[in-house]
Every structure is written in structure tokens, then in C-alpha cells.
PDB file of N, CA and C in Angstrom:
ATOM      1  N   MET A   1     -30.588  26.700  25.346  1.00  0.00           N
ATOM      2  CA  MET A   1     -31.446  25.539  25.145  1.00  0.00           C
ATOM      3  C   MET A   1     -32.817  25.963  24.634  1.00  0.00           C
ATOM      4  N   GLU A   2     -33.388  27.015  25.203  1.00  0.00           N
ATOM      5  CA  GLU A   2     -34.711  27.470  24.798  1.00  0.00           C
ATOM      6  C   GLU A   2     -34.690  27.945  23.346  1.00  0.00           C
ATOM      7  N   GLU A   3     -33.623  28.624  22.923  1.00  0.00           N
ATOM      8  CA  GLU A   3     -33.486  29.093  21.546  1.00  0.00           C
ATOM      9  C   GLU A   3     -33.462  27.911  20.576  1.00  0.00           C
ATOM     10  N   THR A   4     -32.724  26.868  20.904  1.00  0.00           N
ATOM     11  CA  THR A   4     -32.649  25.679  20.056  1.00  0.00           C
ATOM     12  C   THR A   4     -34.006  25.006  19.963  1.00  0.00           C
ATOM     13  N   THR A   5     -34.705  24.935  21.064  1.00  0.00           N
ATOM     14  CA  THR A   5     -36.038  24.326  21.070  1.00  0.00           C
ATOM     15  C   THR A   5     -36.988  25.109  20.178  1.00  0.00           C
ATOM     16  N   ARG A   6     -36.916  26.431  20.248  1.00  0.00           N
ATOM     17  CA  ARG A   6     -37.786  27.271  19.430  1.00  0.00           C
ATOM     18  C   ARG A   6     -37.441  27.112  17.949  1.00  0.00           C
ATOM     19  N   LEU A   7     -36.139  27.089  17.621  1.00  0.00           N
ATOM     20  CA  LEU A   7     -35.718  26.893  16.238  1.00  0.00           C
ATOM     21  C   LEU A   7     -36.152  25.527  15.717  1.00  0.00           C
ATOM     22  N   SER A   8     -36.067  24.518  16.572  1.00  0.00           N
ATOM     23  CA  SER A   8     -36.510  23.172  16.185  1.00  0.00           C
ATOM     24  C   SER A   8     -37.993  23.165  15.853  1.00  0.00           C
ATOM     25  N   ALA A   9     -38.788  23.832  16.668  1.00  0.00           N
ATOM     26  CA  ALA A   9     -40.235  23.880  16.441  1.00  0.00           C
ATOM     27  C   ALA A   9     -40.557  24.630  15.149  1.00  0.00           C
ATOM     28  N   VAL A  10     -39.874  25.747  14.916  1.00  0.00           N
ATOM     29  CA  VAL A  10     -40.107  26.529  13.697  1.00  0.00           C
ATOM     30  C   VAL A  10     -39.723  25.723  12.460  1.00  0.00           C
ATOM     31  N   LEU A  11     -38.558  25.072  12.497  1.00  0.00           N
ATOM     32  CA  LEU A  11     -38.119  24.273  11.354  1.00  0.00           C
ATOM     33  C   LEU A  11     -39.074  23.108  11.097  1.00  0.00           C
ATOM     34  N   THR A  12     -39.491  22.444  12.147  1.00  0.00           N
ATOM     35  CA  THR A  12     -40.415  21.320  11.992  1.00  0.00           C
ATOM     36  C   THR A  12     -41.721  21.779  11.353  1.00  0.00           C
ATOM     37  N   ASP A  13     -42.272  22.888  11.831  1.00  0.00           N
ATOM     38  CA  ASP A  13     -43.513  23.422  11.252  1.00  0.00           C
ATOM     39  C   ASP A  13     -43.310  23.836   9.798  1.00  0.00           C
ATOM     40  N   ALA A  14     -42.190  24.514   9.515  1.00  0.00           N
ATOM     41  CA  ALA A  14     -41.913  24.952   8.145  1.00  0.00           C
ATOM     42  C   ALA A  14     -41.778  23.753   7.210  1.00  0.00           C
ATOM     43  N   LEU A  15     -41.115  22.713   7.683  1.00  0.00           N
ATOM     44  CA  LEU A  15     -40.970  21.499   6.879  1.00  0.00           C
ATOM     45  C   LEU A  15     -42.331  20.886   6.565  1.00  0.00           C
ATOM     46  N   LEU A  16     -43.151  20.696   7.582  1.00  0.00           N
ATOM     47  CA  LEU A  16     -44.455  20.062   7.387  1.00  0.00           C
ATOM     48  C   LEU A  16     -45.347  20.892   6.473  1.00  0.00           C
ATOM     49  N   ASN A  17     -45.324  22.210   6.633  1.00  0.00           N
ATOM     50  CA  ASN A  17     -46.118  23.079   5.771  1.00  0.00           C
ATOM     51  C   ASN A  17     -45.603  23.041   4.337  1.00  0.00           C
ATOM     52  N   SER A  18     -44.288  23.085   4.165  1.00  0.00           N
ATOM     53  CA  SER A  18     -43.701  23.040   2.822  1.00  0.00           C
ATOM     54  C   SER A  18     -44.038  21.733   2.125  1.00  0.00           C
ATOM     55  N   ALA A  19     -43.899  20.632   2.843  1.00  0.00           N
ATOM     56  CA  ALA A  19     -44.209  19.319   2.265  1.00  0.00           C
ATOM     57  C   ALA A  19     -45.679  19.253   1.854  1.00  0.00           C
ATOM     58  N   ALA A  20     -46.561  19.783   2.689  1.00  0.00           N
ATOM     59  CA  ALA A  20     -47.994  19.773   2.363  1.00  0.00           C
ATOM     60  C   ALA A  20     -48.269  20.595   1.104  1.00  0.00           C
ATOM     61  N   TYR A  21     -47.698  21.793   1.012  1.00  0.00           N
ATOM     62  CA  TYR A  21     -47.917  22.638  -0.159  1.00  0.00           C
ATOM     63  C   TYR A  21     -47.306  22.036  -1.422  1.00  0.00           C
ATOM     64  N   LEU A  22     -46.231  21.269  -1.257  1.00  0.00           N
ATOM     65  CA  LEU A  22     -45.610  20.606  -2.401  1.00  0.00           C
ATOM     66  C   LEU A  22     -46.332  19.316  -2.784  1.00  0.00           C
ATOM     67  N   GLY A  23     -47.248  18.864  -1.934  1.00  0.00           N
ATOM     68  CA  GLY A  23     -47.972  17.628  -2.201  1.00  0.00           C
ATOM     69  C   GLY A  23     -47.129  16.386  -1.958  1.00  0.00           C
ATOM     70  N   ILE A  24     -46.144  16.506  -1.091  1.00  0.00           N
ATOM     71  CA  ILE A  24     -45.272  15.375  -0.774  1.00  0.00           C
ATOM     72  C   ILE A  24     -45.966  14.506   0.268  1.00  0.00           C
ATOM     73  N   THR A  25     -46.134  13.240  -0.044  1.00  0.00           N
ATOM     74  CA  THR A  25     -46.784  12.320   0.885  1.00  0.00           C
ATOM     75  C   THR A  25     -45.868  12.055   2.079  1.00  0.00           C
ATOM     76  N   ASP A  26     -46.456  11.560   3.160  1.00  0.00           N
ATOM     77  CA  ASP A  26     -45.655  11.209   4.333  1.00  0.00           C
ATOM     78  C   ASP A  26     -44.620  10.139   3.988  1.00  0.00           C
ATOM     79  N   THR A  27     -44.988   9.211   3.120  1.00  0.00           N
ATOM     80  CA  THR A  27     -44.052   8.164   2.713  1.00  0.00           C
ATOM     81  C   THR A  27     -42.859   8.773   1.993  1.00  0.00           C
ATOM     82  N   ASP A  28     -43.129   9.663   1.025  1.00  0.00           N
ATOM     83  CA  ASP A  28     -42.030  10.326   0.311  1.00  0.00           C
ATOM     84  C   ASP A  28     -41.236  11.228   1.246  1.00  0.00           C
ATOM     85  N   LEU A  29     -41.930  11.924   2.136  1.00  0.00           N
ATOM     86  CA  LEU A  29     -41.230  12.807   3.063  1.00  0.00           C
ATOM     87  C   LEU A  29     -40.275  12.018   3.939  1.00  0.00           C
ATOM     88  N   SER A  30     -40.713  10.880   4.405  1.00  0.00           N
ATOM     89  CA  SER A  30     -39.860  10.025   5.220  1.00  0.00           C
ATOM     90  C   SER A  30     -38.634   9.565   4.427  1.00  0.00           C
ATOM     91  N   LEU A  31     -38.841   9.214   3.159  1.00  0.00           N
ATOM     92  CA  LEU A  31     -37.716   8.815   2.298  1.00  0.00           C
ATOM     93  C   LEU A  31     -36.765   9.980   2.060  1.00  0.00           C
ATOM     94  N   ILE A  32     -37.321  11.151   1.779  1.00  0.00           N
ATOM     95  CA  ILE A  32     -36.504  12.334   1.511  1.00  0.00           C
ATOM     96  C   ILE A  32     -35.678  12.707   2.739  1.00  0.00           C
ATOM     97  N   LEU A  33     -36.312  12.684   3.890  1.00  0.00           N
ATOM     98  CA  LEU A  33     -35.620  13.054   5.125  1.00  0.00           C
ATOM     99  C   LEU A  33     -34.656  11.978   5.596  1.00  0.00           C
ATOM    100  N   GLY A  34     -34.929  10.732   5.199  1.00  0.00           N
ATOM    101  CA  GLY A  34     -34.159   9.632   5.776  1.00  0.00           C
ATOM    102  C   GLY A  34     -34.416   9.609   7.270  1.00  0.00           C
ATOM    103  N   ALA A  35     -35.686   9.860   7.624  1.00  0.00           N
ATOM    104  CA  ALA A  35     -36.079  10.104   9.010  1.00  0.00           C
ATOM    105  C   ALA A  35     -35.801   8.946   9.958  1.00  0.00           C
ATOM    106  N   GLY A  36     -35.643   7.768   9.395  1.00  0.00           N
ATOM    107  CA  GLY A  36     -35.329   6.640  10.258  1.00  0.00           C
ATOM    108  C   GLY A  36     -36.465   6.291  11.190  1.00  0.00           C
ATOM    109  N   PRO A  37     -36.149   6.161  12.480  1.00  0.00           N
ATOM    110  CA  PRO A  37     -37.129   5.620  13.413  1.00  0.00           C
ATOM    111  C   PRO A  37     -38.255   6.575  13.813  1.00  0.00           C
ATOM    112  N   VAL A  38     -38.135   7.863  13.475  1.00  0.00           N
ATOM    113  CA  VAL A  38     -39.167   8.817  13.894  1.00  0.00           C
ATOM    114  C   VAL A  38     -40.206   8.958  12.787  1.00  0.00           C
ATOM    115  N   PRO A  39     -41.407   8.455  13.016  1.00  0.00           N
ATOM    116  CA  PRO A  39     -42.457   8.595  12.011  1.00  0.00           C
ATOM    117  C   PRO A  39     -42.851  10.069  11.833  1.00  0.00           C
ATOM    118  N   ILE A  40     -43.238  10.415  10.638  1.00  0.00           N
ATOM    119  CA  ILE A  40     -43.639  11.790  10.335  1.00  0.00           C
ATOM    120  C   ILE A  40     -44.763  12.238  11.270  1.00  0.00           C
ATOM    121  N   GLU A  41     -45.624  11.323  11.643  1.00  0.00           N
ATOM    122  CA  GLU A  41     -46.742  11.658  12.536  1.00  0.00           C
ATOM    123  C   GLU A  41     -46.244  12.242  13.859  1.00  0.00           C
ATOM    124  N   GLU A  42     -45.092  11.808  14.330  1.00  0.00           N
ATOM    125  CA  GLU A  42     -44.561  12.349  15.587  1.00  0.00           C
ATOM    126  C   GLU A  42     -44.170  13.815  15.441  1.00  0.00           C
ATOM    127  N   TYR A  43     -43.736  14.201  14.256  1.00  0.00           N
ATOM    128  CA  TYR A  43     -43.461  15.620  14.007  1.00  0.00           C
ATOM    129  C   TYR A  43     -44.764  16.408  13.964  1.00  0.00           C
ATOM    130  N   ARG A  44     -45.791  15.818  13.374  1.00  0.00           N
ATOM    131  CA  ARG A  44     -47.093  16.496  13.277  1.00  0.00           C
ATOM    132  C   ARG A  44     -47.715  16.745  14.643  1.00  0.00           C
ATOM    133  N   THR A  45     -47.586  15.790  15.547  1.00  0.00           N
ATOM    134  CA  THR A  45     -48.210  15.915  16.862  1.00  0.00           C
ATOM    135  C   THR A  45     -47.350  16.687  17.855  1.00  0.00           C
ATOM    136  N   GLY A  46     -46.124  16.997  17.466  1.00  0.00           N
ATOM    137  CA  GLY A  46     -45.225  17.706  18.376  1.00  0.00           C
ATOM    138  C   GLY A  46     -44.465  16.784  19.310  1.00  0.00           C
ATOM    139  N   ALA A  47     -44.614  15.466  19.129  1.00  0.00           N
ATOM    140  CA  ALA A  47     -43.899  14.505  19.969  1.00  0.00           C
ATOM    141  C   ALA A  47     -42.411  14.492  19.646  1.00  0.00           C
ATOM    142  N   ALA A  48     -42.057  14.981  18.446  1.00  0.00           N
ATOM    143  CA  ALA A  48     -40.654  15.064  18.043  1.00  0.00           C
ATOM    144  C   ALA A  48     -40.464  16.345  17.243  1.00  0.00           C
ATOM    145  N   GLU A  49     -39.257  16.886  17.293  1.00  0.00           N
ATOM    146  CA  GLU A  49     -38.906  18.068  16.512  1.00  0.00           C
ATOM    147  C   GLU A  49     -37.563  17.813  15.844  1.00  0.00           C
ATOM    148  N   ILE A  50     -37.276  18.582  14.819  1.00  0.00           N
ATOM    149  CA  ILE A  50     -36.049  18.410  14.050  1.00  0.00           C
ATOM    150  C   ILE A  50     -34.986  19.370  14.552  1.00  0.00           C
ATOM    151  N   ASP A  51     -33.832  18.823  14.893  1.00  0.00           N
ATOM    152  CA  ASP A  51     -32.698  19.635  15.322  1.00  0.00           C
ATOM    153  C   ASP A  51     -32.136  20.354  14.096  1.00  0.00           C
ATOM    154  N   PRO A  52     -32.160  21.691  14.083  1.00  0.00           N
ATOM    155  CA  PRO A  52     -31.696  22.426  12.913  1.00  0.00           C
ATOM    156  C   PRO A  52     -30.219  22.178  12.578  1.00  0.00           C
ATOM    157  N   ASP A  53     -29.433  21.758  13.554  1.00  0.00           N
ATOM    158  CA  ASP A  53     -27.998  21.556  13.343  1.00  0.00           C
ATOM    159  C   ASP A  53     -27.640  20.137  12.920  1.00  0.00           C
ATOM    160  N   SER A  54     -28.641  19.290  12.738  1.00  0.00           N
ATOM    161  CA  SER A  54     -28.399  17.897  12.367  1.00  0.00           C
ATOM    162  C   SER A  54     -28.456  17.731  10.843  1.00  0.00           C
ATOM    163  N   ALA A  55     -28.044  16.549  10.375  1.00  0.00           N
ATOM    164  CA  ALA A  55     -28.169  16.231   8.948  1.00  0.00           C
ATOM    165  C   ALA A  55     -29.642  16.258   8.541  1.00  0.00           C
ATOM    166  N   LEU A  56     -30.505  15.780   9.406  1.00  0.00           N
ATOM    167  CA  LEU A  56     -31.943  15.824   9.153  1.00  0.00           C
ATOM    168  C   LEU A  56     -32.414  17.271   9.027  1.00  0.00           C
ATOM    169  N   GLY A  57     -31.875  18.131   9.878  1.00  0.00           N
ATOM    170  CA  GLY A  57     -32.207  19.555   9.822  1.00  0.00           C
ATOM    171  C   GLY A  57     -31.782  20.183   8.503  1.00  0.00           C
ATOM    172  N   ALA A  58     -30.620  19.779   7.987  1.00  0.00           N
ATOM    173  CA  ALA A  58     -30.156  20.299   6.696  1.00  0.00           C
ATOM    174  C   ALA A  58     -31.105  19.880   5.575  1.00  0.00           C
ATOM    175  N   ARG A  59     -31.556  18.629   5.603  1.00  0.00           N
ATOM    176  CA  ARG A  59     -32.505  18.164   4.581  1.00  0.00           C
ATOM    177  C   ARG A  59     -33.852  18.881   4.723  1.00  0.00           C
ATOM    178  N   ALA A  60     -34.278  19.115   5.954  1.00  0.00           N
ATOM    179  CA  ALA A  60     -35.535  19.847   6.181  1.00  0.00           C
ATOM    180  C   ALA A  60     -35.420  21.267   5.614  1.00  0.00           C
ATOM    181  N   ARG A  61     -34.282  21.922   5.850  1.00  0.00           N
ATOM    182  CA  ARG A  61     -34.083  23.269   5.305  1.00  0.00           C
ATOM    183  C   ARG A  61     -34.107  23.250   3.774  1.00  0.00           C
ATOM    184  N   ASP A  62     -33.527  22.207   3.173  1.00  0.00           N
ATOM    185  CA  ASP A  62     -33.545  22.108   1.715  1.00  0.00           C
ATOM    186  C   ASP A  62     -34.967  21.953   1.177  1.00  0.00           C
ATOM    187  N   ILE A  63     -35.805  21.201   1.868  1.00  0.00           N
ATOM    188  CA  ILE A  63     -37.201  21.061   1.434  1.00  0.00           C
ATOM    189  C   ILE A  63     -37.913  22.411   1.511  1.00  0.00           C
ATOM    190  N   VAL A  64     -37.648  23.159   2.564  1.00  0.00           N
ATOM    191  CA  VAL A  64     -38.240  24.494   2.693  1.00  0.00           C
ATOM    192  C   VAL A  64     -37.723  25.391   1.557  1.00  0.00           C
ATOM    193  N   ARG A  65     -36.444  25.272   1.214  1.00  0.00           N
ATOM    194  CA  ARG A  65     -35.880  26.035   0.088  1.00  0.00           C
ATOM    195  C   ARG A  65     -36.572  25.671  -1.215  1.00  0.00           C
ATOM    196  N   VAL A  66     -36.798  24.365  -1.437  1.00  0.00           N
ATOM    197  CA  VAL A  66     -37.478  23.921  -2.653  1.00  0.00           C
ATOM    198  C   VAL A  66     -38.863  24.554  -2.719  1.00  0.00           C
ATOM    199  N   PHE A  67     -39.617  24.476  -1.623  1.00  0.00           N
ATOM    200  CA  PHE A  67     -40.961  25.061  -1.627  1.00  0.00           C
ATOM    201  C   PHE A  67     -40.908  26.557  -1.888  1.00  0.00           C
ATOM    202  N   THR A  68     -40.059  27.271  -1.166  1.00  0.00           N
ATOM    203  CA  THR A  68     -40.001  28.735  -1.276  1.00  0.00           C
ATOM    204  C   THR A  68     -39.680  29.162  -2.703  1.00  0.00           C
ATOM    205  N   ALA A  69     -38.661  28.551  -3.289  1.00  0.00           N
ATOM    206  CA  ALA A  69     -38.267  28.918  -4.646  1.00  0.00           C
ATOM    207  C   ALA A  69     -39.327  28.511  -5.661  1.00  0.00           C
ATOM    208  N   LEU A  70     -39.824  27.282  -5.567  1.00  0.00           N
ATOM    209  CA  LEU A  70     -40.799  26.791  -6.539  1.00  0.00           C
ATOM    210  C   LEU A  70     -42.110  27.560  -6.439  1.00  0.00           C
ATOM    211  N   ASP A  71     -42.524  27.897  -5.239  1.00  0.00           N
ATOM    212  CA  ASP A  71     -43.752  28.665  -5.060  1.00  0.00           C
ATOM    213  C   ASP A  71     -43.611  30.049  -5.700  1.00  0.00           C
ATOM    214  N   THR A  72     -42.445  30.646  -5.564  1.00  0.00           N
ATOM    215  CA  THR A  72     -42.208  31.954  -6.172  1.00  0.00           C
ATOM    216  C   THR A  72     -42.177  31.841  -7.691  1.00  0.00           C
ATOM    217  N   ILE A  73     -41.446  30.860  -8.201  1.00  0.00           N
ATOM    218  CA  ILE A  73     -41.318  30.675  -9.651  1.00  0.00           C
ATOM    219  C   ILE A  73     -42.665  30.383 -10.303  1.00  0.00           C
ATOM    220  N   THR A  74     -43.511  29.609  -9.634  1.00  0.00           N
ATOM    221  CA  THR A  74     -44.818  29.228 -10.206  1.00  0.00           C
ATOM    222  C   THR A  74     -45.938  30.180  -9.799  1.00  0.00           C
ATOM    223  N   ALA A  75     -45.595  31.255  -9.120  1.00  0.00           N
ATOM    224  CA  ALA A  75     -46.583  32.242  -8.657  1.00  0.00           C
ATOM    225  C   ALA A  75     -47.678  31.588  -7.821  1.00  0.00           C
ATOM    226  N   GLY A  76     -47.289  30.579  -7.045  1.00  0.00           N
ATOM    227  CA  GLY A  76     -48.222  29.952  -6.123  1.00  0.00           C
ATOM    228  C   GLY A  76     -49.195  28.972  -6.750  1.00  0.00           C
ATOM    229  N   ASP A  77     -49.018  28.630  -8.016  1.00  0.00           N
ATOM    230  CA  ASP A  77     -49.939  27.727  -8.697  1.00  0.00           C
ATOM    231  C   ASP A  77     -49.643  26.279  -8.316  1.00  0.00           C
ATOM    232  N   ALA A  78     -50.549  25.659  -7.567  1.00  0.00           N
ATOM    233  CA  ALA A  78     -50.341  24.295  -7.055  1.00  0.00           C
ATOM    234  C   ALA A  78     -50.211  23.278  -8.180  1.00  0.00           C
ATOM    235  N   GLY A  79     -50.974  23.425  -9.226  1.00  0.00           N
ATOM    236  CA  GLY A  79     -50.903  22.491 -10.343  1.00  0.00           C
ATOM    237  C   GLY A  79     -49.551  22.538 -11.039  1.00  0.00           C
ATOM    238  N   THR A  80     -49.042  23.726 -11.247  1.00  0.00           N
ATOM    239  CA  THR A  80     -47.734  23.889 -11.889  1.00  0.00           C
ATOM    240  C   THR A  80     -46.630  23.349 -10.989  1.00  0.00           C
ATOM    241  N   ARG A  81     -46.741  23.604  -9.674  1.00  0.00           N
ATOM    242  CA  ARG A  81     -45.756  23.054  -8.719  1.00  0.00           C
ATOM    243  C   ARG A  81     -45.730  21.544  -8.804  1.00  0.00           C
ATOM    244  N   SER A  82     -46.911  20.942  -8.772  1.00  0.00           N
ATOM    245  CA  SER A  82     -47.019  19.487  -8.803  1.00  0.00           C
ATOM    246  C   SER A  82     -46.463  18.920 -10.104  1.00  0.00           C
ATOM    247  N   GLN A  83     -46.812  19.547 -11.206  1.00  0.00           N
ATOM    248  CA  GLN A  83     -46.325  19.080 -12.500  1.00  0.00           C
ATOM    249  C   GLN A  83     -44.797  19.153 -12.541  1.00  0.00           C
ATOM    250  N   TRP A  84     -44.231  20.242 -12.069  1.00  0.00           N
ATOM    251  CA  TRP A  84     -42.776  20.394 -12.097  1.00  0.00           C
ATOM    252  C   TRP A  84     -42.106  19.322 -11.237  1.00  0.00           C
ATOM    253  N   LEU A  85     -42.640  19.087 -10.066  1.00  0.00           N
ATOM    254  CA  LEU A  85     -42.035  18.109  -9.154  1.00  0.00           C
ATOM    255  C   LEU A  85     -42.105  16.682  -9.671  1.00  0.00           C
ATOM    256  N   ASN A  86     -43.182  16.337 -10.345  1.00  0.00           N
ATOM    257  CA  ASN A  86     -43.462  14.943 -10.676  1.00  0.00           C
ATOM    258  C   ASN A  86     -43.129  14.530 -12.106  1.00  0.00           C
ATOM    259  N   HIS A  87     -42.610  15.443 -12.897  1.00  0.00           N
ATOM    260  CA  HIS A  87     -42.280  15.111 -14.280  1.00  0.00           C
ATOM    261  C   HIS A  87     -40.784  15.275 -14.538  1.00  0.00           C
ATOM    262  N   TYR A  88     -40.319  14.571 -15.537  1.00  0.00           N
ATOM    263  CA  TYR A  88     -38.908  14.591 -15.909  1.00  0.00           C
ATOM    264  C   TYR A  88     -38.452  16.017 -16.215  1.00  0.00           C
ATOM    265  N   ASN A  89     -37.285  16.369 -15.686  1.00  0.00           N
ATOM    266  CA  ASN A  89     -36.675  17.666 -15.942  1.00  0.00           C
ATOM    267  C   ASN A  89     -35.339  17.411 -16.623  1.00  0.00           C
ATOM    268  N   GLN A  90     -35.193  17.885 -17.864  1.00  0.00           N
ATOM    269  CA  GLN A  90     -33.979  17.581 -18.612  1.00  0.00           C
ATOM    270  C   GLN A  90     -32.741  18.224 -18.002  1.00  0.00           C
ATOM    271  N   HIS A  91     -32.882  19.364 -17.349  1.00  0.00           N
ATOM    272  CA  HIS A  91     -31.724  20.023 -16.729  1.00  0.00           C
ATOM    273  C   HIS A  91     -31.214  19.241 -15.521  1.00  0.00           C
ATOM    274  N   LEU A  92     -32.134  18.603 -14.818  1.00  0.00           N
ATOM    275  CA  LEU A  92     -31.774  17.797 -13.652  1.00  0.00           C
ATOM    276  C   LEU A  92     -31.553  16.332 -14.015  1.00  0.00           C
ATOM    277  N   ASN A  93     -31.959  15.974 -15.223  1.00  0.00           N
ATOM    278  CA  ASN A  93     -31.847  14.601 -15.714  1.00  0.00           C
ATOM    279  C   ASN A  93     -32.640  13.630 -14.837  1.00  0.00           C
ATOM    280  N   GLY A  94     -33.863  14.024 -14.526  1.00  0.00           N
ATOM    281  CA  GLY A  94     -34.725  13.162 -13.724  1.00  0.00           C
ATOM    282  C   GLY A  94     -35.920  13.918 -13.199  1.00  0.00           C
ATOM    283  N   SER A  95     -36.793  13.190 -12.541  1.00  0.00           N
ATOM    284  CA  SER A  95     -37.953  13.774 -11.888  1.00  0.00           C
ATOM    285  C   SER A  95     -37.500  14.373 -10.553  1.00  0.00           C
ATOM    286  N   PRO A  96     -37.762  15.652 -10.310  1.00  0.00           N
ATOM    287  CA  PRO A  96     -37.304  16.262  -9.059  1.00  0.00           C
ATOM    288  C   PRO A  96     -37.721  15.490  -7.805  1.00  0.00           C
ATOM    289  N   ILE A  97     -38.958  15.002  -7.745  1.00  0.00           N
ATOM    290  CA  ILE A  97     -39.401  14.293  -6.539  1.00  0.00           C
ATOM    291  C   ILE A  97     -38.583  13.030  -6.329  1.00  0.00           C
ATOM    292  N   GLU A  98     -38.224  12.349  -7.404  1.00  0.00           N
ATOM    293  CA  GLU A  98     -37.397  11.151  -7.277  1.00  0.00           C
ATOM    294  C   GLU A  98     -35.963  11.509  -6.887  1.00  0.00           C
ATOM    295  N   LEU A  99     -35.432  12.558  -7.476  1.00  0.00           N
ATOM    296  CA  LEU A  99     -34.079  12.997  -7.130  1.00  0.00           C
ATOM    297  C   LEU A  99     -33.987  13.412  -5.667  1.00  0.00           C
ATOM    298  N   MET A 100     -35.071  13.999  -5.155  1.00  0.00           N
ATOM    299  CA  MET A 100     -35.085  14.503  -3.784  1.00  0.00           C
ATOM    300  C   MET A 100     -35.013  13.391  -2.738  1.00  0.00           C
ATOM    301  N   ARG A 101     -35.220  12.151  -3.137  1.00  0.00           N
ATOM    302  CA  ARG A 101     -35.167  11.037  -2.181  1.00  0.00           C
ATOM    303  C   ARG A 101     -33.741  10.740  -1.725  1.00  0.00           C
ATOM    304  N   ASP A 102     -32.782  11.325  -2.387  1.00  0.00           N
ATOM    305  CA  ASP A 102     -31.376  11.185  -2.030  1.00  0.00           C
ATOM    306  C   ASP A 102     -30.891  12.545  -1.528  1.00  0.00           C
ATOM    307  N   PRO A 103     -30.147  12.611  -0.412  1.00  0.00           N
ATOM    308  CA  PRO A 103     -29.718  13.912   0.111  1.00  0.00           C
ATOM    309  C   PRO A 103     -28.984  14.781  -0.918  1.00  0.00           C
ATOM    310  N   ALA A 104     -28.117  14.175  -1.719  1.00  0.00           N
ATOM    311  CA  ALA A 104     -27.400  14.954  -2.737  1.00  0.00           C
ATOM    312  C   ALA A 104     -28.370  15.445  -3.812  1.00  0.00           C
ATOM    313  N   GLY A 105     -29.345  14.609  -4.175  1.00  0.00           N
ATOM    314  CA  GLY A 105     -30.351  15.006  -5.160  1.00  0.00           C
ATOM    315  C   GLY A 105     -31.234  16.125  -4.635  1.00  0.00           C
ATOM    316  N   LEU A 106     -31.591  16.054  -3.370  1.00  0.00           N
ATOM    317  CA  LEU A 106     -32.393  17.108  -2.743  1.00  0.00           C
ATOM    318  C   LEU A 106     -31.651  18.437  -2.799  1.00  0.00           C
ATOM    319  N   ALA A 107     -30.383  18.422  -2.424  1.00  0.00           N
ATOM    320  CA  ALA A 107     -29.579  19.649  -2.460  1.00  0.00           C
ATOM    321  C   ALA A 107     -29.460  20.166  -3.897  1.00  0.00           C
ATOM    322  N   ARG A 108     -29.317  19.242  -4.851  1.00  0.00           N
ATOM    323  CA  ARG A 108     -29.205  19.630  -6.262  1.00  0.00           C
ATOM    324  C   ARG A 108     -30.483  20.303  -6.750  1.00  0.00           C
ATOM    325  N   VAL A 109     -31.634  19.750  -6.398  1.00  0.00           N
ATOM    326  CA  VAL A 109     -32.915  20.345  -6.785  1.00  0.00           C
ATOM    327  C   VAL A 109     -33.059  21.728  -6.150  1.00  0.00           C
ATOM    328  N   ALA A 110     -32.746  21.846  -4.868  1.00  0.00           N
ATOM    329  CA  ALA A 110     -32.847  23.138  -4.174  1.00  0.00           C
ATOM    330  C   ALA A 110     -31.912  24.163  -4.809  1.00  0.00           C
ATOM    331  N   ASP A 111     -30.677  23.766  -5.108  1.00  0.00           N
ATOM    332  CA  ASP A 111     -29.717  24.681  -5.735  1.00  0.00           C
ATOM    333  C   ASP A 111     -30.176  25.099  -7.127  1.00  0.00           C
ATOM    334  N   TYR A 112     -30.719  24.149  -7.886  1.00  0.00           N
ATOM    335  CA  TYR A 112     -31.221  24.442  -9.233  1.00  0.00           C
ATOM    336  C   TYR A 112     -32.329  25.496  -9.164  1.00  0.00           C
ATOM    337  N   LEU A 113     -33.272  25.293  -8.256  1.00  0.00           N
ATOM    338  CA  LEU A 113     -34.374  26.255  -8.129  1.00  0.00           C
ATOM    339  C   LEU A 113     -33.880  27.607  -7.653  1.00  0.00           C
ATOM    340  N   ASP A 114     -32.972  27.613  -6.682  1.00  0.00           N
ATOM    341  CA  ASP A 114     -32.394  28.886  -6.215  1.00  0.00           C
ATOM    342  C   ASP A 114     -31.705  29.609  -7.367  1.00  0.00           C
ATOM    343  N   GLY A 115     -30.986  28.863  -8.198  1.00  0.00           N
ATOM    344  CA  GLY A 115     -30.304  29.467  -9.343  1.00  0.00           C
ATOM    345  C   GLY A 115     -31.287  30.076 -10.329  1.00  0.00           C
ATOM    346  N   ASN A 116     -32.416  29.424 -10.542  1.00  0.00           N
ATOM    347  CA  ASN A 116     -33.438  29.962 -11.432  1.00  0.00           C
ATOM    348  C   ASN A 116     -34.144  31.154 -10.824  1.00  0.00           C
ATOM    349  N   LEU A 117     -34.281  31.132  -9.529  1.00  0.00           N
ATOM    350  CA  LEU A 117     -34.969  32.223  -8.830  1.00  0.00           C
ATOM    351  C   LEU A 117     -34.098  33.465  -8.767  1.00  0.00           C
ATOM    352  N   HIS A 118     -32.818  33.264  -8.470  1.00  0.00           N
ATOM    353  CA  HIS A 118     -31.913  34.393  -8.263  1.00  0.00           C
ATOM    354  C   HIS A 118     -31.032  34.673  -9.468  1.00  0.00           C
ATOM    355  N   GLY A 119     -31.266  33.895 -10.529  1.00  0.00           N
ATOM    356  CA  GLY A 119     -30.626  34.050 -11.814  1.00  0.00           C
ATOM    357  C   GLY A 119     -29.186  34.257 -11.820  1.00  0.00           C
TER     358      GLY A 119
END
């Protein structure tokens, strides 16, 4: 139980940090996560944590993957990250931030970035 609690706290923190670095608003983050009844603020205050083994946990891990890969590809440049996320990408056939609002789109964006990172 303690291990799961620790993993939940780490994943929740990683998600919130990744979303902040990606410039994802709480509204978009809630849409991307499909968080339902738990407001993002509850994750920020520690009132709630994300179960790593849940569907929500899988989406949180994908957001962390998107940040990790995109940050590496853009050499940490926030402007380039933002531009990539918010503009049409012909390979993905859409704006990554919009695609990420759907679980399948989020996984597709994460896989695309991983493929570019690991070639």
C-alpha cells in the first residue's frame, strides 16, 4: 500500500510539472485526463492523487512522455514546445494539443514524439 501511495504521489507531481512546462491550462488538462469529478486543484493541493494503474494513470504517463520527448527534441526551448503543441502538424493531421484531448490522440502524440526521439 505504501509503495502505491508513493508512486501515486510521484506520478501526480510529474503530471502537474509536465503540464506546467508544456503550458497546458487546467481546463485543457482536465479535458486531456478526462478527470471527471476530481478538479485539477485537488491534485495540486495533495487532496487527491492519480492511481498509476488506472486509465487516468495511463493518460498521466502519456502526458509525461509527451513532455519528456518534446523537451528533449526542442532542447528545452519553451517557445518551440508551445509552437509545436498549438499548431497544425501534417504528420499527425491536426494540432497536437487538440488531438491530446482524446485518449487515443494523446497516445498517438506520445508515440509520434517517442518515434522521433528514438528514431
